[in-house]
N, C-alpha and C. Protein backbone atom coordinates (compact mmCIF):
# COMPACT_ATOMS: atom_id res chain seq x y z
N MET A 1 0.81 -1.23 0.04
CA MET A 1 0.10 -0.15 0.12
C MET A 1 0.97 1.15 -0.13
N LEU A 2 1.76 1.28 1.05
CA LEU A 2 2.79 2.35 0.80
C LEU A 2 4.23 2.13 0.29
N ASP A 3 4.37 2.95 -0.85
CA ASP A 3 6.15 2.91 -1.34
C ASP A 3 6.84 3.32 -0.19
N ARG A 4 8.28 3.30 -0.57
CA ARG A 4 9.15 3.84 0.38
C ARG A 4 9.06 5.37 0.61
N LEU A 5 8.77 6.26 -0.41
CA LEU A 5 8.71 7.47 -0.05
C LEU A 5 7.53 7.83 0.74
N ALA A 6 6.38 7.31 0.35
CA ALA A 6 5.09 7.65 1.16
C ALA A 6 5.45 7.12 2.37
N ALA A 7 6.02 5.93 2.77
CA ALA A 7 6.19 5.47 3.98
C ALA A 7 7.01 6.52 5.03
N ARG A 8 8.16 6.92 4.14
CA ARG A 8 8.62 7.84 4.89
C ARG A 8 8.03 9.11 5.33
N ASP A 9 7.33 9.82 4.50
CA ASP A 9 6.48 10.82 4.52
C ASP A 9 5.60 10.62 5.75
N PHE A 10 4.97 9.41 5.61
CA PHE A 10 3.86 8.84 6.50
C PHE A 10 4.27 9.01 8.14
N LEU A 11 5.72 8.28 8.25
CA LEU A 11 6.29 8.23 9.44
C LEU A 11 6.92 9.71 10.09
N GLU A 12 7.22 10.37 9.13
CA GLU A 12 7.82 11.99 9.39
C GLU A 12 6.55 12.73 10.05
N ASP A 13 5.37 12.53 9.48
CA ASP A 13 4.12 13.08 9.68
C ASP A 13 3.70 12.81 10.91
N ALA A 14 3.59 11.53 10.99
CA ALA A 14 3.15 10.78 12.45
C ALA A 14 4.00 11.17 13.52
N THR A 15 5.20 11.37 13.25
CA THR A 15 6.14 11.79 14.43
C THR A 15 5.98 13.43 14.71
N ARG A 16 5.79 13.90 13.72
CA ARG A 16 5.52 15.40 13.99
C ARG A 16 4.33 15.81 14.62
N ILE A 17 3.19 15.12 14.22
CA ILE A 17 1.99 15.60 14.96
C ILE A 17 1.98 14.84 16.57
N ALA A 18 2.71 13.69 16.61
CA ALA A 18 2.82 13.04 17.81
C ALA A 18 3.38 13.97 18.56
N THR A 19 4.50 14.56 18.40
CA THR A 19 5.33 15.26 19.27
C THR A 19 4.47 16.89 19.38
N LEU A 20 3.74 17.15 18.52
CA LEU A 20 3.10 18.33 18.77
C LEU A 20 1.96 18.32 19.82
N TYR A 21 1.26 16.98 19.77
CA TYR A 21 0.47 16.78 21.30
C TYR A 21 1.26 16.20 22.38
N ARG A 22 2.29 15.86 22.26
CA ARG A 22 3.33 15.34 23.35
C ARG A 22 2.75 13.73 23.91
N VAL A 23 2.66 12.95 22.66
CA VAL A 23 2.55 11.44 22.71
C VAL A 23 3.63 11.11 21.84
N THR A 24 3.31 9.40 22.14
CA THR A 24 4.43 9.08 21.17
C THR A 24 3.60 8.45 19.97
N VAL A 25 4.51 8.03 18.94
CA VAL A 25 3.62 7.53 17.77
C VAL A 25 2.71 6.22 17.96
N GLU A 26 3.35 5.71 19.02
CA GLU A 26 2.39 4.41 19.32
C GLU A 26 1.31 4.79 20.24
N GLU A 27 1.21 5.66 20.79
CA GLU A 27 -0.01 6.31 21.57
C GLU A 27 -0.99 6.66 20.56
N MET A 28 -0.54 7.42 19.81
CA MET A 28 -1.40 8.37 18.80
C MET A 28 -1.98 7.03 17.96
N MET A 29 -1.26 6.04 17.29
CA MET A 29 -2.04 5.02 16.63
C MET A 29 -2.68 3.89 17.23
N GLY A 30 -2.79 3.92 18.92
CA GLY A 30 -3.54 2.99 19.55
C GLY A 30 -4.88 3.48 19.79
N ARG A 31 -5.65 2.66 20.55
CA ARG A 31 -6.94 3.06 20.75
C ARG A 31 -7.56 3.77 21.94
N ASP A 32 -6.32 4.43 22.69
CA ASP A 32 -6.58 5.13 23.83
C ASP A 32 -7.56 6.33 23.47
N ARG A 33 -8.51 6.44 24.41
CA ARG A 33 -9.68 7.58 23.90
C ARG A 33 -9.34 9.10 24.80
N HIS A 34 -8.10 9.03 25.59
CA HIS A 34 -7.93 10.10 26.28
C HIS A 34 -7.59 11.32 25.30
N ARG A 35 -7.97 12.48 25.65
CA ARG A 35 -7.78 13.69 24.71
C ARG A 35 -6.14 13.93 24.14
N PRO A 36 -5.14 13.80 24.59
CA PRO A 36 -4.03 13.98 23.85
C PRO A 36 -3.78 12.97 22.88
N MET A 37 -4.27 11.70 23.15
CA MET A 37 -3.97 10.62 22.08
C MET A 37 -5.19 10.82 20.90
N ALA A 38 -6.40 10.68 21.27
CA ALA A 38 -7.34 10.90 20.29
C ALA A 38 -7.27 12.11 19.49
N TYR A 39 -6.88 13.35 20.01
CA TYR A 39 -6.63 14.64 19.48
C TYR A 39 -5.69 14.51 18.32
N ALA A 40 -4.59 13.81 18.78
CA ALA A 40 -3.14 13.57 17.79
C ALA A 40 -3.91 12.74 16.62
N ARG A 41 -4.68 11.46 16.95
CA ARG A 41 -5.00 10.61 16.06
C ARG A 41 -5.91 11.26 15.05
N HIS A 42 -6.97 12.09 15.60
CA HIS A 42 -7.72 12.89 14.56
C HIS A 42 -7.07 13.85 13.73
N HIS A 43 -6.20 14.46 14.25
CA HIS A 43 -5.20 15.51 13.33
C HIS A 43 -4.50 14.61 12.35
N PHE A 44 -3.84 13.54 12.89
CA PHE A 44 -3.31 12.76 11.90
C PHE A 44 -4.26 12.27 10.70
N TRP A 45 -5.26 11.87 11.04
CA TRP A 45 -6.32 11.34 9.93
C TRP A 45 -6.65 12.32 8.82
N ALA A 46 -6.66 13.68 9.50
CA ALA A 46 -7.08 14.97 8.77
C ALA A 46 -6.04 15.08 7.79
N GLU A 47 -4.82 14.74 8.37
CA GLU A 47 -3.73 15.29 7.29
C GLU A 47 -3.56 14.39 6.24
N LEU A 48 -3.94 13.12 6.64
CA LEU A 48 -3.84 11.94 5.50
C LEU A 48 -4.89 12.09 4.58
N TYR A 49 -5.94 12.51 5.11
CA TYR A 49 -7.13 12.73 4.12
C TYR A 49 -6.97 13.83 3.19
N SER A 50 -6.48 14.99 3.84
CA SER A 50 -6.45 16.14 3.00
C SER A 50 -5.50 16.06 1.80
N ARG A 51 -4.49 15.11 1.87
CA ARG A 51 -3.65 15.04 0.96
C ARG A 51 -4.41 14.27 -0.56
N GLY A 52 -5.62 13.97 -0.40
CA GLY A 52 -6.33 13.58 -1.54
C GLY A 52 -6.19 12.05 -2.15
N HIS A 53 -5.16 11.46 -1.60
CA HIS A 53 -4.91 9.91 -2.18
C HIS A 53 -5.36 9.01 -1.04
N TRP A 54 -5.67 9.61 0.16
CA TRP A 54 -6.08 8.89 1.31
C TRP A 54 -7.72 8.85 1.47
N SER A 55 -8.29 7.66 1.42
CA SER A 55 -9.63 7.79 1.64
C SER A 55 -9.90 7.25 3.20
N TYR A 56 -11.31 7.69 3.61
CA TYR A 56 -11.55 7.33 4.74
C TYR A 56 -11.28 5.52 4.96
N PRO A 57 -11.92 4.68 4.21
CA PRO A 57 -11.42 3.19 4.22
C PRO A 57 -10.04 2.99 4.09
N ALA A 58 -9.28 3.50 3.66
CA ALA A 58 -7.72 3.34 3.54
C ALA A 58 -7.17 3.88 4.86
N ILE A 59 -7.49 4.91 5.32
CA ILE A 59 -7.26 5.30 6.81
C ILE A 59 -7.45 4.37 7.85
N ALA A 60 -8.93 4.09 7.54
CA ALA A 60 -9.30 2.80 8.63
C ALA A 60 -8.57 1.76 8.60
N LYS A 61 -8.08 1.09 7.40
CA LYS A 61 -7.48 -0.08 7.30
C LYS A 61 -6.28 0.06 7.97
N LEU A 62 -5.58 1.35 7.39
CA LEU A 62 -4.39 1.52 8.18
C LEU A 62 -4.11 1.71 9.69
N CYS A 63 -5.19 2.09 10.27
CA CYS A 63 -5.43 2.13 11.76
C CYS A 63 -6.27 1.09 12.60
N ASP A 64 -6.56 0.11 11.54
CA ASP A 64 -7.43 -0.88 12.16
C ASP A 64 -8.62 -0.30 13.02
N VAL A 65 -9.40 0.53 12.41
CA VAL A 65 -10.65 1.12 12.94
C VAL A 65 -11.68 0.88 11.69
N ASP A 66 -12.79 1.50 12.05
CA ASP A 66 -13.99 1.43 11.24
C ASP A 66 -13.72 3.02 10.28
N HIS A 67 -14.34 2.70 9.00
CA HIS A 67 -14.23 4.31 8.44
C HIS A 67 -14.96 5.26 8.87
N THR A 68 -16.05 4.78 9.55
CA THR A 68 -16.89 5.80 10.20
C THR A 68 -16.35 6.46 11.30
N THR A 69 -15.22 6.00 12.03
CA THR A 69 -14.48 6.38 13.11
C THR A 69 -13.94 7.40 12.66
N VAL A 70 -12.96 7.04 11.41
CA VAL A 70 -12.17 8.02 10.79
C VAL A 70 -13.04 9.24 10.44
N PHE A 71 -13.99 9.01 9.79
CA PHE A 71 -14.85 10.18 9.23
C PHE A 71 -15.21 11.25 10.51
N HIS A 72 -15.64 10.58 11.67
CA HIS A 72 -16.14 11.40 12.58
C HIS A 72 -15.06 12.02 13.43
N GLY A 73 -13.65 11.34 13.46
CA GLY A 73 -12.64 11.81 14.03
C GLY A 73 -12.09 13.11 13.42
N ILE A 74 -12.19 12.93 11.88
CA ILE A 74 -11.78 14.12 10.96
C ILE A 74 -12.74 15.16 11.28
N ALA A 75 -13.99 15.05 11.34
CA ALA A 75 -15.10 15.95 11.60
C ALA A 75 -14.63 17.00 12.93
N ALA A 76 -14.35 15.92 13.92
CA ALA A 76 -14.16 16.71 15.24
C ALA A 76 -12.75 17.36 15.09
N HIS A 77 -11.90 16.73 14.46
CA HIS A 77 -10.72 17.62 14.17
C HIS A 77 -10.88 18.94 13.72
N HIS A 78 -11.73 19.14 12.64
CA HIS A 78 -12.07 20.25 12.06
C HIS A 78 -13.19 21.34 12.80
N GLN A 79 -13.68 20.86 13.34
CA GLN A 79 -14.83 21.44 14.45
C GLN A 79 -13.89 22.21 15.50
N ARG A 80 -12.76 21.54 16.02
CA ARG A 80 -12.10 22.11 17.35
C ARG A 80 -11.25 22.95 16.55
N GLN A 81 -10.63 23.01 15.34
CA GLN A 81 -9.75 23.72 14.71
C GLN A 81 -10.86 25.17 14.33
N ASN A 82 -12.02 25.13 13.84
CA ASN A 82 -12.90 26.08 13.58
C ASN A 82 -12.98 27.04 14.87
N HIS A 83 -13.16 26.18 15.89
CA HIS A 83 -13.66 26.99 17.28
C HIS A 83 -12.24 27.51 17.84
N GLU A 84 -10.98 27.18 17.60
CA GLU A 84 -10.03 27.68 18.15
C GLU A 84 -9.92 29.40 17.99
N HIS A 85 -10.40 29.75 16.85
CA HIS A 85 -10.44 31.11 16.12
C HIS A 85 -11.39 32.03 16.74
N GLU A 86 -12.49 31.48 17.56
CA GLU A 86 -13.75 32.13 17.78
C GLU A 86 -13.48 32.67 19.29
N PRO A 87 -13.86 33.93 19.54
CA PRO A 87 -13.59 34.62 20.64
C PRO A 87 -14.55 33.84 21.74
N SER A 88 -13.89 33.97 22.90
CA SER A 88 -14.72 33.41 24.11
C SER A 88 -15.81 34.21 24.15
N PRO A 89 -16.99 33.52 24.70
CA PRO A 89 -18.31 34.27 25.21
C PRO A 89 -17.96 35.23 26.33
N PRO A 90 -18.39 36.34 26.48
CA PRO A 90 -18.51 37.15 27.81
C PRO A 90 -18.89 36.34 28.98
N LEU A 91 -18.56 36.63 30.10
CA LEU A 91 -18.85 36.29 31.37
C LEU A 91 -20.05 36.70 31.48
N PRO A 92 -20.94 35.62 32.21
CA PRO A 92 -22.16 36.56 32.63
C PRO A 92 -21.93 37.67 33.87
N ALA A 93 -23.06 38.69 33.81
CA ALA A 93 -22.68 39.42 34.88
C ALA A 93 -22.83 39.17 36.34
N PRO A 94 -22.33 39.63 37.28
CA PRO A 94 -22.81 39.02 38.66
C PRO A 94 -24.04 39.38 39.53
């Protein structure tokens, strides 16, 4: 499925994203549902999908999850990214 160049890029991306979230690649690729691991995993899936030649089923097969899990993980990542740039709501008056 992966040629040598794609495998190297894949590993570099996985390492970069895992480091960003302060987790290991193994933790990111695992099934742990705690935020740092799940957020890193969703980010990684979104990066793969954005390249255009990775489909939800291909990412799911690579990570041994259902394709709908990948779909919802990528959607959650995009939602978190969009909400980062919104101002916080004002605090209620005392």
